[in-house]
Amino acid sequence: MIEKLMKLAEKSYSPYSHFRVATIVVMKDGQEFVGVNVENSAYGSSICSERSAILSAISNGYTKGDFKELHCLCADSNRISTSCFACRQVISELFDKDIPLYFYSNTGEYKMYTVSELCPYPFEEDDLK
């Protein structure tokens, strides 16, 4: 998976942070969707690779509960980084709580967390009542 992520990271548009991130989400039926971070000079208009990949799956007809796993690489760091809180919110909304999330460094090291571990206190539907 690391080779696929490294190649995908080349498509990142990150002229401001110079921090290329690539994500592949794997669906329960084996289909894969990819995403990269796309920055904008109005920083709030940028999108992370995780949300890019997840929203691509949703745009292609998949829905909550169809996700099997997520793989994310920060191509310009030898550290393992995890998702920002905006991405964690989307992940906690659409992924089952026991789904594995793999985060890689550019050296190939990785850590795996479940959604429950990465998002222990999610903001959920019941919080809106």
Protein backbone atom coordinates (compact mmCIF):
# COMPACT_ATOMS: atom_id res chain seq x y z
CA MET A 1 0.00 0.00 0.00
CA ILE A 2 2.90 2.38 0.76
CA GLU A 3 4.02 2.35 -2.88
CA LYS A 4 0.52 3.26 -4.08
CA LEU A 5 0.31 6.06 -1.52
CA MET A 6 3.72 7.50 -2.45
CA LYS A 7 2.77 7.59 -6.14
CA LEU A 8 -0.61 9.13 -5.31
CA ALA A 9 1.02 11.83 -3.16
CA GLU A 10 2.71 13.19 -6.30
CA LYS A 11 -0.75 14.49 -7.30
CA SER A 12 -1.10 16.62 -4.17
CA TYR A 13 -1.50 20.36 -4.70
CA SER A 14 0.33 21.77 -1.68
CA PRO A 15 2.26 24.90 -2.73
CA TYR A 16 1.85 26.57 0.68
CA SER A 17 2.58 23.86 3.24
CA HIS A 18 4.75 21.68 0.97
CA PHE A 19 3.18 18.81 2.94
CA ARG A 20 1.86 16.22 0.50
CA VAL A 21 -0.76 13.85 1.88
CA ALA A 22 -2.41 10.90 0.13
CA THR A 23 -5.26 8.66 1.24
CA ILE A 24 -6.79 5.46 -0.09
CA VAL A 25 -10.08 4.23 1.32
CA VAL A 26 -10.99 0.61 0.70
CA MET A 27 -14.64 -0.34 0.56
CA LYS A 28 -16.11 -3.60 1.84
CA ASP A 29 -16.56 -4.76 -1.79
CA GLY A 30 -12.85 -4.14 -2.54
CA GLN A 31 -13.29 -0.91 -4.51
CA GLU A 32 -10.68 1.76 -3.71
CA PHE A 33 -11.06 5.54 -3.76
CA VAL A 34 -8.15 7.94 -3.60
CA GLY A 35 -7.65 11.47 -2.40
CA VAL A 36 -4.87 14.01 -2.00
CA ASN A 37 -4.73 17.27 -0.13
CA VAL A 38 -5.58 20.29 -2.29
CA GLU A 39 -4.59 23.65 -0.84
CA ASN A 40 -5.81 27.11 -1.64
CA SER A 41 -4.45 30.54 -0.77
CA ALA A 42 -7.66 31.01 1.23
CA TYR A 43 -6.58 28.23 3.59
CA GLY A 44 -10.10 27.41 4.79
CA SER A 45 -10.99 26.41 1.22
CA SER A 46 -8.39 23.63 1.24
CA ILE A 47 -9.35 19.98 1.62
CA CYS A 48 -7.47 17.15 3.27
CA SER A 49 -6.73 13.91 1.47
CA GLU A 50 -8.88 11.87 3.86
CA ARG A 51 -12.04 13.85 3.16
CA SER A 52 -11.21 13.97 -0.54
CA ALA A 53 -11.09 10.14 -0.72
CA ILE A 54 -14.10 9.60 1.53
CA LEU A 55 -16.25 12.12 -0.34
CA SER A 56 -15.25 10.52 -3.64
CA ALA A 57 -16.60 7.20 -2.37
CA ILE A 58 -19.83 8.86 -1.27
CA SER A 59 -20.11 10.64 -4.64
CA ASN A 60 -19.83 7.25 -6.32
CA GLY A 61 -22.81 5.81 -4.46
CA TYR A 62 -21.26 4.34 -1.34
CA THR A 63 -22.71 5.20 2.03
CA LYS A 64 -22.19 4.99 5.78
CA GLY A 65 -21.05 1.51 6.73
CA ASP A 66 -19.56 0.63 3.32
CA PHE A 67 -15.97 1.46 4.35
CA LYS A 68 -13.51 -1.33 5.16
CA GLU A 69 -10.28 0.58 5.92
CA LEU A 70 -8.37 3.81 5.39
CA HIS A 71 -4.68 4.28 4.53
CA CYS A 72 -3.05 7.71 4.82
CA LEU A 73 0.52 8.86 4.11
CA CYS A 74 2.28 12.13 4.82
CA ALA A 75 4.81 11.89 1.99
CA ASP A 76 7.07 14.69 3.21
CA SER A 77 7.50 13.53 6.77
CA ASN A 78 9.36 10.68 8.40
CA ARG A 79 6.90 11.02 11.29
CA ILE A 80 3.56 9.27 11.41
CA SER A 81 0.78 11.85 11.43
CA THR A 82 -2.92 11.25 12.00
CA SER A 83 -6.01 12.98 10.67
CA CYS A 84 -7.04 16.50 11.62
CA PHE A 85 -10.21 16.91 13.64
CA ALA A 86 -12.34 17.87 10.62
CA CYS A 87 -11.38 14.58 8.98
CA ARG A 88 -11.90 12.69 12.23
CA GLN A 89 -15.45 14.02 12.37
CA VAL A 90 -16.19 12.75 8.85
CA ILE A 91 -14.53 9.40 9.61
CA SER A 92 -16.51 8.97 12.84
CA GLU A 93 -19.75 9.80 10.99
CA LEU A 94 -19.30 7.36 8.09
CA PHE A 95 -17.08 4.50 9.29
CA ASP A 96 -18.01 1.68 11.66
CA LYS A 97 -16.26 2.11 15.02
CA ASP A 98 -14.00 -0.96 14.61
CA ILE A 99 -12.67 -0.07 11.14
CA PRO A 100 -8.85 0.04 10.97
CA LEU A 101 -7.16 3.30 10.02
CA TYR A 102 -3.51 3.03 8.91
CA PHE A 103 -1.21 6.05 9.05
CA TYR A 104 2.20 5.88 7.35
CA SER A 105 5.43 7.86 7.42
CA ASN A 106 7.51 8.24 4.28
CA THR A 107 9.88 5.60 5.68
CA GLY A 108 7.15 2.96 5.53
CA GLU A 109 6.51 2.82 9.26
CA TYR A 110 2.85 2.84 10.20
CA LYS A 111 0.45 2.80 13.10
CA MET A 112 -3.04 1.36 13.04
CA TYR A 113 -5.93 2.74 15.07
CA THR A 114 -9.58 1.84 15.08
CA VAL A 115 -12.09 4.61 14.55
CA SER A 116 -13.00 4.36 18.26
CA GLU A 117 -9.36 4.82 19.25
CA LEU A 118 -8.80 7.81 16.97
CA CYS A 119 -12.18 9.38 17.75
CA PRO A 120 -12.98 8.42 21.36
CA TYR A 121 -15.54 11.19 21.91
CA PRO A 122 -17.38 11.67 18.63
CA PHE A 123 -19.98 14.33 17.99
CA GLU A 124 -22.94 12.25 16.82
CA GLU A 125 -26.57 12.51 15.79
CA ASP A 126 -27.78 12.32 19.41
CA ASP A 127 -25.70 15.41 20.22
CA LEU A 128 -27.95 17.44 17.93
CA LYS A 129 -31.02 16.84 20.11
